[in-house]
C-alpha cells in the first residue's frame, strides 16, 4: 500500500507527480492512494491525514509506504512519527513550511481545481506546531533532492536528515517539480520499491 502526498496549492488528482507515481504503483500491482488535504490550514490537514492513515491501516491491515513531495514531504515525515511506515520517500520536501510559505500569504489559486484559497500568516506559523520532534527509530528513509531545486537548498535538506541511520540519498536534476521530465525520479522510485529480479542464466 502506497500513500502519496501532494505539495502546496494543489490536490492529489491535480499533482502530475503524484499521479505519475500512482500509475507506476498500479502498474506494479500495488494499492495506491493520493489523498487531497488542505494546504492552507495545518490543523485541518493534521486531522484529515491522521484519520486517513488510520483508516487505511485498519482497512488493509498493513503498514504503508508513504511518499511525500514538497509540503507533502513535511506531512509524510509527520505521519511517520505516528506509525512507522515500511518505507518513507521524501522528494524535494519542505522541511520548514513555517518559513517557506511566508511569500504565499494572501490569495492563491489551487493548481488542481482552479479555485481561489487564502493562506493566513497565523496558519503559516502554525505549521511549527507539527514539526517532527524526533524521527522514529528504525525509520527507513529514501531522500530525493534536485540540485537545481529553485525553492529549497538541497544541501540543507540533506543535512536535516543526516542523523537517520537507514538513510539513502539521491541527488538528481529536474528542478523542484520535475516539470519537463519525470522519468529519472520515477525510475528511482520503481527501482527502490519494485526491484526487478535478475533472470538466472544456465
N, C-alpha and C. Protein backbone atom coordinates (compact mmCIF):
# COMPACT_ATOMS: atom_id res chain seq x y z
N UNK A 1 0.84 -1.19 0.00
CA UNK A 1 0.00 0.00 0.00
C UNK A 1 0.88 1.25 0.00
N UNK A 2 0.62 2.12 -0.97
CA UNK A 2 1.40 3.34 -1.11
C UNK A 2 0.49 4.55 -0.99
N UNK A 3 0.86 5.47 -0.11
CA UNK A 3 0.14 6.73 0.05
C UNK A 3 1.07 7.84 -0.37
N UNK A 4 0.67 8.62 -1.38
CA UNK A 4 1.50 9.70 -1.90
C UNK A 4 0.84 11.04 -1.61
N UNK A 5 1.59 11.94 -0.99
CA UNK A 5 1.05 13.23 -0.57
C UNK A 5 1.57 14.36 -1.46
N UNK A 6 0.64 15.16 -1.97
CA UNK A 6 0.95 16.26 -2.88
C UNK A 6 1.54 17.46 -2.15
N UNK A 7 1.98 18.43 -2.93
CA UNK A 7 2.57 19.63 -2.38
C UNK A 7 1.58 20.75 -2.16
N UNK A 8 2.11 21.94 -1.93
CA UNK A 8 1.30 23.11 -1.61
C UNK A 8 0.47 23.55 -2.82
N UNK A 9 -0.78 23.93 -2.54
CA UNK A 9 -1.62 24.56 -3.54
C UNK A 9 -2.07 23.68 -4.67
N UNK A 10 -2.27 22.40 -4.41
CA UNK A 10 -2.79 21.52 -5.45
C UNK A 10 -3.61 20.42 -4.79
N UNK A 11 -3.88 19.35 -5.52
CA UNK A 11 -4.67 18.23 -5.00
C UNK A 11 -3.98 16.92 -5.36
N UNK A 12 -4.48 15.84 -4.78
CA UNK A 12 -3.92 14.54 -5.12
C UNK A 12 -4.08 14.21 -6.58
N UNK A 13 -5.26 14.53 -7.14
CA UNK A 13 -5.50 14.27 -8.55
C UNK A 13 -4.86 15.31 -9.44
N UNK A 14 -4.67 16.52 -8.92
CA UNK A 14 -4.12 17.60 -9.73
C UNK A 14 -2.61 17.63 -9.80
N UNK A 15 -1.95 16.92 -8.91
CA UNK A 15 -0.48 16.87 -8.90
C UNK A 15 0.00 15.87 -9.95
N UNK A 16 0.69 16.35 -10.96
CA UNK A 16 1.17 15.47 -12.02
C UNK A 16 2.18 14.45 -11.50
N UNK A 17 3.01 14.88 -10.55
CA UNK A 17 3.98 13.94 -9.99
C UNK A 17 3.28 12.85 -9.19
N UNK A 18 2.32 13.23 -8.37
CA UNK A 18 1.58 12.24 -7.58
C UNK A 18 0.86 11.24 -8.48
N UNK A 19 0.27 11.74 -9.55
CA UNK A 19 -0.45 10.85 -10.45
C UNK A 19 0.49 9.93 -11.21
N UNK A 20 1.68 10.44 -11.54
CA UNK A 20 2.67 9.59 -12.21
C UNK A 20 3.11 8.46 -11.29
N UNK A 21 3.31 8.78 -10.01
CA UNK A 21 3.69 7.76 -9.02
C UNK A 21 2.53 6.78 -8.82
N UNK A 22 1.32 7.31 -8.81
CA UNK A 22 0.11 6.49 -8.65
C UNK A 22 0.01 5.46 -9.78
N UNK A 23 0.24 5.90 -11.01
CA UNK A 23 0.16 4.99 -12.15
C UNK A 23 1.29 3.96 -12.10
N UNK A 24 2.47 4.40 -11.67
CA UNK A 24 3.60 3.49 -11.52
C UNK A 24 3.28 2.39 -10.52
N UNK A 25 2.70 2.78 -9.40
CA UNK A 25 2.34 1.81 -8.36
C UNK A 25 1.30 0.81 -8.88
N UNK A 26 0.29 1.33 -9.56
CA UNK A 26 -0.76 0.44 -10.09
C UNK A 26 -0.19 -0.52 -11.13
N UNK A 27 0.72 -0.01 -11.97
CA UNK A 27 1.33 -0.86 -12.99
C UNK A 27 2.13 -2.00 -12.38
N UNK A 28 2.60 -1.79 -11.14
CA UNK A 28 3.37 -2.81 -10.45
C UNK A 28 2.53 -3.61 -9.46
N UNK A 29 1.21 -3.46 -9.58
CA UNK A 29 0.30 -4.26 -8.78
C UNK A 29 0.14 -3.85 -7.33
N UNK A 30 0.44 -2.60 -7.02
CA UNK A 30 0.34 -2.14 -5.64
C UNK A 30 -0.89 -1.27 -5.44
N UNK A 31 -1.48 -1.38 -4.26
CA UNK A 31 -2.53 -0.44 -3.87
C UNK A 31 -1.92 0.96 -3.79
N UNK A 32 -2.63 1.95 -4.30
CA UNK A 32 -2.08 3.31 -4.33
C UNK A 32 -3.17 4.32 -4.05
N UNK A 33 -2.83 5.30 -3.21
CA UNK A 33 -3.78 6.35 -2.85
C UNK A 33 -3.10 7.71 -2.90
N UNK A 34 -3.83 8.71 -3.38
CA UNK A 34 -3.30 10.08 -3.45
C UNK A 34 -4.33 11.02 -2.82
N UNK A 35 -4.42 11.04 -1.51
CA UNK A 35 -5.44 11.86 -0.85
C UNK A 35 -5.19 13.36 -1.04
N UNK A 36 -6.28 14.11 -0.99
CA UNK A 36 -6.20 15.57 -1.05
C UNK A 36 -6.44 16.15 0.34
N UNK A 37 -5.52 16.92 0.81
CA UNK A 37 -5.64 17.54 2.13
C UNK A 37 -5.52 19.06 1.98
N UNK A 38 -6.04 19.83 2.92
CA UNK A 38 -5.93 21.30 2.82
C UNK A 38 -4.51 21.77 3.07
N UNK A 39 -3.98 22.57 2.17
CA UNK A 39 -2.60 23.05 2.33
C UNK A 39 -2.53 24.43 2.96
N UNK A 40 -3.68 25.00 3.27
CA UNK A 40 -3.68 26.34 3.89
C UNK A 40 -4.09 26.31 5.35
N UNK A 41 -4.28 25.13 5.92
CA UNK A 41 -4.67 25.02 7.32
C UNK A 41 -4.03 23.77 7.92
N UNK A 42 -2.90 23.91 8.60
CA UNK A 42 -2.19 22.74 9.12
C UNK A 42 -2.99 21.94 10.15
N UNK A 43 -3.87 22.61 10.90
CA UNK A 43 -4.67 21.89 11.90
C UNK A 43 -5.63 20.92 11.21
N UNK A 44 -6.32 21.40 10.18
CA UNK A 44 -7.24 20.54 9.44
C UNK A 44 -6.48 19.46 8.68
N UNK A 45 -5.31 19.82 8.15
CA UNK A 45 -4.50 18.83 7.42
C UNK A 45 -4.07 17.71 8.35
N UNK A 46 -3.64 18.07 9.55
CA UNK A 46 -3.22 17.08 10.54
C UNK A 46 -4.36 16.12 10.86
N UNK A 47 -5.53 16.67 11.13
CA UNK A 47 -6.69 15.84 11.48
C UNK A 47 -7.06 14.92 10.32
N UNK A 48 -7.14 15.49 9.12
CA UNK A 48 -7.55 14.70 7.97
C UNK A 48 -6.56 13.59 7.67
N UNK A 49 -5.28 13.93 7.63
CA UNK A 49 -4.28 12.93 7.25
C UNK A 49 -4.10 11.85 8.31
N UNK A 50 -4.20 12.23 9.58
CA UNK A 50 -4.11 11.24 10.65
C UNK A 50 -5.25 10.24 10.57
N UNK A 51 -6.46 10.75 10.37
CA UNK A 51 -7.63 9.87 10.23
C UNK A 51 -7.51 9.00 8.98
N UNK A 52 -7.05 9.60 7.91
CA UNK A 52 -6.90 8.87 6.65
C UNK A 52 -5.92 7.71 6.80
N UNK A 53 -4.78 7.99 7.42
CA UNK A 53 -3.77 6.96 7.63
C UNK A 53 -4.32 5.83 8.49
N UNK A 54 -4.97 6.17 9.58
CA UNK A 54 -5.52 5.15 10.49
C UNK A 54 -6.58 4.30 9.79
N UNK A 55 -7.41 4.93 8.96
CA UNK A 55 -8.45 4.20 8.24
C UNK A 55 -7.85 3.21 7.25
N UNK A 56 -6.81 3.64 6.52
CA UNK A 56 -6.20 2.76 5.53
C UNK A 56 -5.49 1.58 6.21
N UNK A 57 -4.83 1.84 7.32
CA UNK A 57 -4.16 0.75 8.05
C UNK A 57 -5.20 -0.24 8.55
N UNK A 58 -6.32 0.27 9.04
CA UNK A 58 -7.38 -0.60 9.54
C UNK A 58 -8.02 -1.40 8.41
N UNK A 59 -8.26 -0.73 7.28
CA UNK A 59 -8.94 -1.38 6.14
C UNK A 59 -8.08 -2.48 5.51
N UNK A 60 -6.77 -2.24 5.43
CA UNK A 60 -5.91 -3.18 4.70
C UNK A 60 -4.95 -3.94 5.59
N UNK A 61 -4.95 -3.62 6.89
CA UNK A 61 -4.16 -4.35 7.87
C UNK A 61 -2.69 -4.46 7.47
N UNK A 62 -2.12 -3.35 7.05
CA UNK A 62 -0.71 -3.34 6.71
C UNK A 62 -0.14 -1.94 6.89
N UNK A 63 1.15 -1.90 7.16
CA UNK A 63 1.84 -0.62 7.28
C UNK A 63 2.11 -0.08 5.88
N UNK A 64 1.86 1.19 5.64
CA UNK A 64 2.01 1.72 4.28
C UNK A 64 3.43 2.16 3.95
N UNK A 65 3.66 2.34 2.68
CA UNK A 65 4.79 3.11 2.18
C UNK A 65 4.26 4.52 1.99
N UNK A 66 4.95 5.50 2.54
CA UNK A 66 4.47 6.88 2.43
C UNK A 66 5.47 7.69 1.61
N UNK A 67 4.94 8.37 0.59
CA UNK A 67 5.75 9.22 -0.27
C UNK A 67 5.23 10.64 -0.16
N UNK A 68 6.13 11.59 -0.01
CA UNK A 68 5.70 12.98 0.10
C UNK A 68 6.56 13.90 -0.75
N UNK A 69 5.91 14.79 -1.46
CA UNK A 69 6.60 15.77 -2.29
C UNK A 69 6.29 17.18 -1.79
N UNK A 70 7.32 18.04 -1.72
CA UNK A 70 7.13 19.44 -1.34
C UNK A 70 6.49 19.48 0.06
N UNK A 71 5.38 20.18 0.24
CA UNK A 71 4.71 20.22 1.54
C UNK A 71 4.25 18.83 1.96
N UNK A 72 3.95 17.99 0.98
CA UNK A 72 3.59 16.60 1.28
C UNK A 72 4.72 15.86 1.97
N UNK A 73 5.96 16.29 1.71
CA UNK A 73 7.10 15.69 2.40
C UNK A 73 7.10 16.01 3.88
N UNK A 74 6.69 17.23 4.21
CA UNK A 74 6.56 17.62 5.62
C UNK A 74 5.54 16.74 6.32
N UNK A 75 4.38 16.56 5.68
CA UNK A 75 3.32 15.77 6.29
C UNK A 75 3.65 14.28 6.29
N UNK A 76 4.34 13.80 5.27
CA UNK A 76 4.74 12.39 5.25
C UNK A 76 5.67 12.08 6.42
N UNK A 77 6.59 12.99 6.67
CA UNK A 77 7.50 12.81 7.81
C UNK A 77 6.73 12.86 9.12
N UNK A 78 5.75 13.74 9.20
CA UNK A 78 4.91 13.83 10.40
C UNK A 78 4.15 12.53 10.63
N UNK A 79 3.56 11.98 9.57
CA UNK A 79 2.80 10.73 9.70
C UNK A 79 3.71 9.58 10.11
N UNK A 80 4.96 9.63 9.69
CA UNK A 80 5.91 8.57 10.04
C UNK A 80 6.20 8.52 11.53
N UNK A 81 5.97 9.63 12.23
CA UNK A 81 6.15 9.64 13.68
C UNK A 81 4.95 9.02 14.39
N UNK A 82 3.83 8.91 13.69
CA UNK A 82 2.61 8.34 14.27
C UNK A 82 2.52 6.84 14.02
N UNK A 83 3.04 6.41 12.88
CA UNK A 83 3.04 4.99 12.54
C UNK A 83 4.23 4.76 11.62
N UNK A 84 5.24 4.06 12.10
CA UNK A 84 6.45 3.87 11.30
C UNK A 84 6.09 3.12 10.01
N UNK A 85 6.29 3.74 8.86
CA UNK A 85 5.93 3.10 7.59
C UNK A 85 6.96 2.06 7.16
N UNK A 86 6.56 1.22 6.22
CA UNK A 86 7.51 0.27 5.65
C UNK A 86 8.68 1.03 5.02
N UNK A 87 8.34 2.14 4.42
CA UNK A 87 9.33 2.95 3.71
C UNK A 87 8.81 4.37 3.64
N UNK A 88 9.70 5.32 3.84
CA UNK A 88 9.35 6.74 3.71
C UNK A 88 10.21 7.31 2.59
N UNK A 89 9.56 7.90 1.60
CA UNK A 89 10.28 8.53 0.49
C UNK A 89 9.90 10.00 0.44
N UNK A 90 10.88 10.86 0.56
CA UNK A 90 10.66 12.30 0.52
C UNK A 90 11.32 12.87 -0.73
N UNK A 91 10.55 13.63 -1.48
CA UNK A 91 11.03 14.20 -2.74
C UNK A 91 11.00 15.72 -2.64
N UNK A 92 12.17 16.34 -2.68
CA UNK A 92 12.27 17.80 -2.51
C UNK A 92 11.32 18.30 -1.42
N UNK A 93 11.46 17.75 -0.21
CA UNK A 93 10.49 18.07 0.85
C UNK A 93 10.67 19.49 1.40
N UNK A 94 9.56 20.05 1.81
CA UNK A 94 9.57 21.33 2.52
C UNK A 94 9.77 20.99 4.00
N UNK A 95 10.94 21.30 4.53
CA UNK A 95 11.24 20.92 5.91
C UNK A 95 10.90 22.02 6.90
N UNK A 96 10.67 23.25 6.42
CA UNK A 96 10.31 24.36 7.31
C UNK A 96 9.19 25.20 6.70
N UNK A 97 7.98 24.66 6.56
CA UNK A 97 6.91 25.42 5.93
C UNK A 97 6.53 26.69 6.68
N UNK A 98 6.81 26.74 7.98
CA UNK A 98 6.52 27.97 8.73
C UNK A 98 7.40 29.13 8.26
N UNK A 99 8.45 28.81 7.52
CA UNK A 99 9.29 29.84 6.91
C UNK A 99 9.02 29.96 5.40
N UNK A 100 9.00 28.83 4.72
CA UNK A 100 8.96 28.84 3.26
C UNK A 100 7.62 29.32 2.69
N UNK A 101 6.54 29.16 3.44
CA UNK A 101 5.23 29.54 2.91
C UNK A 101 4.89 31.01 3.13
N UNK A 102 5.77 31.73 3.81
CA UNK A 102 5.52 33.15 4.05
C UNK A 102 5.18 33.96 2.80
N UNK A 103 5.90 33.77 1.70
CA UNK A 103 5.60 34.55 0.49
C UNK A 103 4.22 34.27 -0.11
N UNK A 104 3.57 33.20 0.33
CA UNK A 104 2.27 32.84 -0.24
C UNK A 104 1.09 33.32 0.61
N UNK A 105 1.39 34.08 1.66
CA UNK A 105 0.31 34.63 2.49
C UNK A 105 -0.56 35.52 1.63
N UNK A 106 -1.88 35.31 1.72
CA UNK A 106 -2.83 36.04 0.89
C UNK A 106 -3.60 35.08 0.01
N UNK A 107 -4.09 35.57 -1.11
CA UNK A 107 -4.89 34.75 -2.01
C UNK A 107 -4.00 33.96 -2.97
N UNK A 108 -4.38 32.70 -3.18
CA UNK A 108 -3.66 31.80 -4.09
C UNK A 108 -4.68 31.05 -4.94
N UNK A 109 -4.19 30.42 -5.99
CA UNK A 109 -5.04 29.60 -6.84
C UNK A 109 -4.60 28.15 -6.74
N UNK A 110 -5.54 27.26 -6.45
CA UNK A 110 -5.24 25.84 -6.37
C UNK A 110 -5.00 25.30 -7.78
N UNK A 111 -3.80 24.78 -8.01
CA UNK A 111 -3.45 24.29 -9.35
C UNK A 111 -4.24 23.06 -9.76
N UNK A 112 -4.81 22.37 -8.78
CA UNK A 112 -5.58 21.17 -9.10
C UNK A 112 -7.02 21.45 -9.45
N UNK A 113 -7.60 22.47 -8.81
CA UNK A 113 -9.02 22.76 -9.01
C UNK A 113 -9.29 24.09 -9.70
N UNK A 114 -8.31 24.99 -9.68
CA UNK A 114 -8.51 26.32 -10.23
C UNK A 114 -9.22 27.26 -9.27
N UNK A 115 -9.54 26.76 -8.08
CA UNK A 115 -10.25 27.57 -7.10
C UNK A 115 -9.29 28.46 -6.32
N UNK A 116 -9.81 29.61 -5.87
CA UNK A 116 -9.04 30.53 -5.05
C UNK A 116 -9.07 30.07 -3.59
N UNK A 117 -7.95 30.26 -2.90
CA UNK A 117 -7.92 29.97 -1.47
C UNK A 117 -6.98 30.96 -0.80
N UNK A 118 -7.22 31.17 0.48
CA UNK A 118 -6.42 32.14 1.22
C UNK A 118 -5.51 31.45 2.23
N UNK A 119 -4.29 31.92 2.30
CA UNK A 119 -3.34 31.44 3.29
C UNK A 119 -3.07 32.58 4.26
N UNK A 120 -3.36 32.35 5.53
CA UNK A 120 -3.19 33.39 6.56
C UNK A 120 -1.85 33.22 7.26
N UNK A 121 -1.30 34.31 7.74
CA UNK A 121 0.00 34.27 8.41
C UNK A 121 -0.03 33.39 9.65
N UNK A 122 -1.13 33.41 10.39
CA UNK A 122 -1.19 32.58 11.59
C UNK A 122 -1.21 31.09 11.25
N UNK A 123 -1.74 30.75 10.07
CA UNK A 123 -1.72 29.35 9.65
C UNK A 123 -0.32 28.94 9.22
N UNK A 124 0.41 29.84 8.59
CA UNK A 124 1.80 29.55 8.23
C UNK A 124 2.60 29.27 9.51
N UNK A 125 2.43 30.12 10.49
CA UNK A 125 3.15 29.96 11.76
C UNK A 125 2.77 28.66 12.47
N UNK A 126 1.52 28.23 12.29
CA UNK A 126 1.02 27.05 12.98
C UNK A 126 1.68 25.76 12.51
N UNK A 127 2.28 25.77 11.34
CA UNK A 127 2.98 24.57 10.88
C UNK A 127 4.08 24.17 11.87
N UNK A 128 4.61 25.14 12.57
CA UNK A 128 5.69 24.86 13.53
C UNK A 128 5.24 23.89 14.61
N UNK A 129 3.95 23.90 14.93
CA UNK A 129 3.41 23.00 15.95
C UNK A 129 3.61 21.54 15.55
N UNK A 130 3.56 21.28 14.25
CA UNK A 130 3.59 19.90 13.76
C UNK A 130 4.98 19.47 13.27
N UNK A 131 5.98 20.27 13.56
CA UNK A 131 7.34 19.88 13.20
C UNK A 131 7.69 18.59 13.94
N UNK A 132 8.47 17.73 13.33
CA UNK A 132 8.83 16.47 14.00
C UNK A 132 9.79 16.73 15.15
N UNK A 133 9.41 16.29 16.32
CA UNK A 133 10.28 16.43 17.48
C UNK A 133 11.43 15.44 17.41
N UNK A 134 11.12 14.23 16.91
CA UNK A 134 12.13 13.20 16.81
C UNK A 134 11.68 12.18 15.77
N UNK A 135 12.55 11.85 14.83
CA UNK A 135 12.23 10.82 13.85
C UNK A 135 12.29 9.46 14.53
N UNK A 136 11.37 8.56 14.20
CA UNK A 136 11.31 7.27 14.89
C UNK A 136 12.52 6.40 14.61
N UNK A 137 12.90 5.62 15.61
CA UNK A 137 13.99 4.67 15.44
C UNK A 137 13.60 3.62 14.40
N UNK A 138 14.52 3.22 13.60
CA UNK A 138 14.25 2.19 12.60
C UNK A 138 13.63 2.72 11.33
N UNK A 139 13.45 4.03 11.24
CA UNK A 139 12.85 4.61 10.03
C UNK A 139 13.74 4.37 8.83
N UNK A 140 13.16 3.85 7.77
CA UNK A 140 13.87 3.61 6.53
C UNK A 140 13.49 4.71 5.54
N UNK A 141 14.42 5.61 5.29
CA UNK A 141 14.13 6.81 4.52
C UNK A 141 14.94 6.88 3.24
N UNK A 142 14.24 7.15 2.15
CA UNK A 142 14.88 7.48 0.88
C UNK A 142 14.60 8.95 0.62
N UNK A 143 15.66 9.72 0.46
CA UNK A 143 15.55 11.16 0.22
C UNK A 143 16.02 11.46 -1.20
N UNK A 144 15.15 12.12 -1.96
CA UNK A 144 15.50 12.50 -3.32
C UNK A 144 15.44 14.02 -3.41
N UNK A 145 16.55 14.63 -3.79
CA UNK A 145 16.60 16.09 -3.90
C UNK A 145 17.16 16.48 -5.27
N UNK A 146 16.70 17.62 -5.75
CA UNK A 146 17.21 18.17 -7.00
C UNK A 146 18.29 19.20 -6.69
N UNK A 147 19.44 19.04 -7.29
CA UNK A 147 20.50 20.01 -7.05
C UNK A 147 20.18 21.35 -7.70
N UNK A 148 19.19 21.36 -8.63
CA UNK A 148 18.75 22.61 -9.24
C UNK A 148 17.35 23.01 -8.78
N UNK A 149 16.99 22.55 -7.57
CA UNK A 149 15.70 22.94 -6.98
C UNK A 149 15.69 24.45 -6.78
N UNK A 150 14.70 25.11 -7.37
CA UNK A 150 14.63 26.56 -7.30
C UNK A 150 13.97 27.08 -6.03
N UNK A 151 13.42 26.17 -5.21
CA UNK A 151 12.75 26.58 -3.98
C UNK A 151 13.53 26.24 -2.72
N UNK A 152 14.13 25.05 -2.67
CA UNK A 152 14.79 24.59 -1.46
C UNK A 152 16.24 24.24 -1.74
N UNK A 153 17.10 24.49 -0.76
CA UNK A 153 18.51 24.18 -0.88
C UNK A 153 18.73 22.69 -0.60
N UNK A 154 19.24 21.97 -1.60
CA UNK A 154 19.42 20.52 -1.47
C UNK A 154 20.36 20.16 -0.32
N UNK A 155 21.42 20.93 -0.16
CA UNK A 155 22.38 20.66 0.90
C UNK A 155 21.76 20.77 2.28
N UNK A 156 20.95 21.79 2.49
CA UNK A 156 20.27 21.96 3.77
C UNK A 156 19.28 20.84 4.04
N UNK A 157 18.61 20.41 2.98
CA UNK A 157 17.64 19.32 3.13
C UNK A 157 18.35 18.03 3.54
N UNK A 158 19.45 17.72 2.88
CA UNK A 158 20.20 16.51 3.22
C UNK A 158 20.70 16.58 4.67
N UNK A 159 21.21 17.73 5.06
CA UNK A 159 21.72 17.91 6.42
C UNK A 159 20.64 17.64 7.47
N UNK A 160 19.40 17.99 7.15
CA UNK A 160 18.29 17.80 8.07
C UNK A 160 18.09 16.32 8.44
N UNK A 161 18.49 15.43 7.53
CA UNK A 161 18.20 14.01 7.74
C UNK A 161 19.45 13.16 7.96
N UNK A 162 20.59 13.78 8.14
CA UNK A 162 21.84 13.03 8.28
C UNK A 162 21.86 12.11 9.50
N UNK A 163 21.05 12.42 10.50
CA UNK A 163 21.05 11.62 11.73
C UNK A 163 20.34 10.28 11.57
N UNK A 164 19.58 10.11 10.50
CA UNK A 164 18.82 8.88 10.31
C UNK A 164 19.75 7.77 9.82
N UNK A 165 19.78 6.68 10.56
CA UNK A 165 20.74 5.61 10.27
C UNK A 165 20.45 4.94 8.93
N UNK A 166 19.18 4.63 8.69
CA UNK A 166 18.81 3.92 7.47
C UNK A 166 18.36 4.94 6.41
N UNK A 167 19.32 5.72 5.98
CA UNK A 167 19.06 6.81 5.02
C UNK A 167 19.79 6.56 3.71
N UNK A 168 19.08 6.72 2.62
CA UNK A 168 19.71 6.72 1.30
C UNK A 168 19.33 8.02 0.60
N UNK A 169 20.29 8.61 -0.07
CA UNK A 169 20.09 9.92 -0.71
C UNK A 169 20.41 9.83 -2.20
N UNK A 170 19.51 10.38 -3.00
CA UNK A 170 19.74 10.50 -4.43
C UNK A 170 19.67 11.98 -4.80
N UNK A 171 20.70 12.46 -5.47
CA UNK A 171 20.74 13.85 -5.92
C UNK A 171 20.63 13.84 -7.43
N UNK A 172 19.56 14.45 -7.93
CA UNK A 172 19.30 14.43 -9.36
C UNK A 172 19.05 15.85 -9.87
N UNK A 173 18.63 15.96 -11.11
CA UNK A 173 18.26 17.25 -11.69
C UNK A 173 16.80 17.19 -12.14
N UNK A 174 16.25 18.36 -12.37
CA UNK A 174 14.85 18.40 -12.82
C UNK A 174 14.06 19.53 -12.22
N UNK A 175 14.75 20.37 -11.41
CA UNK A 175 14.03 21.46 -10.77
C UNK A 175 13.19 20.95 -9.62
N UNK A 176 12.39 21.82 -9.06
CA UNK A 176 11.62 21.43 -7.88
C UNK A 176 10.57 20.37 -8.18
N UNK A 177 9.85 20.52 -9.28
CA UNK A 177 8.72 19.62 -9.53
C UNK A 177 8.88 18.75 -10.77
N UNK A 178 10.07 18.71 -11.35
CA UNK A 178 10.34 17.83 -12.49
C UNK A 178 9.32 18.04 -13.62
N UNK A 179 9.03 19.28 -13.93
CA UNK A 179 8.00 19.60 -14.92
C UNK A 179 8.33 19.05 -16.31
N UNK A 180 9.60 19.15 -16.69
CA UNK A 180 9.98 18.78 -18.05
C UNK A 180 10.20 17.28 -18.24
N UNK A 181 10.67 16.62 -17.20
CA UNK A 181 10.99 15.20 -17.35
C UNK A 181 10.92 14.50 -16.00
N UNK A 182 9.97 13.58 -15.86
CA UNK A 182 9.79 12.84 -14.60
C UNK A 182 10.39 11.44 -14.68
N UNK A 183 11.04 11.11 -15.76
CA UNK A 183 11.49 9.74 -15.96
C UNK A 183 12.52 9.31 -14.92
N UNK A 184 13.45 10.21 -14.55
CA UNK A 184 14.50 9.83 -13.61
C UNK A 184 13.95 9.60 -12.21
N UNK A 185 13.08 10.49 -11.75
CA UNK A 185 12.52 10.32 -10.42
C UNK A 185 11.64 9.08 -10.35
N UNK A 186 10.88 8.82 -11.41
CA UNK A 186 10.03 7.63 -11.42
C UNK A 186 10.87 6.36 -11.47
N UNK A 187 11.98 6.38 -12.17
CA UNK A 187 12.85 5.21 -12.23
C UNK A 187 13.46 4.92 -10.87
N UNK A 188 13.85 5.99 -10.15
CA UNK A 188 14.40 5.81 -8.82
C UNK A 188 13.39 5.15 -7.89
N UNK A 189 12.15 5.62 -7.97
CA UNK A 189 11.10 5.06 -7.11
C UNK A 189 10.81 3.61 -7.48
N UNK A 190 10.75 3.35 -8.78
CA UNK A 190 10.48 1.98 -9.22
C UNK A 190 11.59 1.03 -8.80
N UNK A 191 12.84 1.45 -8.96
CA UNK A 191 13.97 0.60 -8.57
C UNK A 191 13.98 0.34 -7.06
N UNK A 192 13.52 1.32 -6.29
CA UNK A 192 13.53 1.20 -4.84
C UNK A 192 12.39 0.32 -4.35
N UNK A 193 11.20 0.52 -4.88
CA UNK A 193 10.03 -0.18 -4.38
C UNK A 193 9.70 -1.46 -5.13
N UNK A 194 10.07 -1.50 -6.39
CA UNK A 194 9.72 -2.67 -7.21
C UNK A 194 10.95 -3.18 -7.97
N UNK A 195 11.98 -3.60 -7.24
CA UNK A 195 13.21 -4.05 -7.91
C UNK A 195 12.93 -5.28 -8.78
N UNK A 196 13.50 -5.24 -9.95
CA UNK A 196 13.31 -6.36 -10.88
C UNK A 196 14.28 -7.48 -10.52
N UNK A 197 13.76 -8.69 -10.48
CA UNK A 197 14.59 -9.85 -10.17
C UNK A 197 15.42 -10.18 -11.40
N UNK A 198 16.70 -10.46 -11.12
CA UNK A 198 17.58 -10.82 -12.21
C UNK A 198 17.21 -12.21 -12.73
N UNK A 199 17.23 -12.32 -14.03
CA UNK A 199 16.91 -13.62 -14.66
C UNK A 199 18.13 -14.52 -14.60
N UNK A 200 17.96 -15.68 -14.01
CA UNK A 200 19.09 -16.60 -13.88
C UNK A 200 19.41 -17.22 -15.24
N UNK A 201 20.67 -17.30 -15.53
CA UNK A 201 21.10 -17.90 -16.80
C UNK A 201 21.77 -19.24 -16.51
N UNK A 202 21.51 -20.17 -17.36
CA UNK A 202 22.08 -21.50 -17.18
C UNK A 202 23.52 -21.49 -17.70
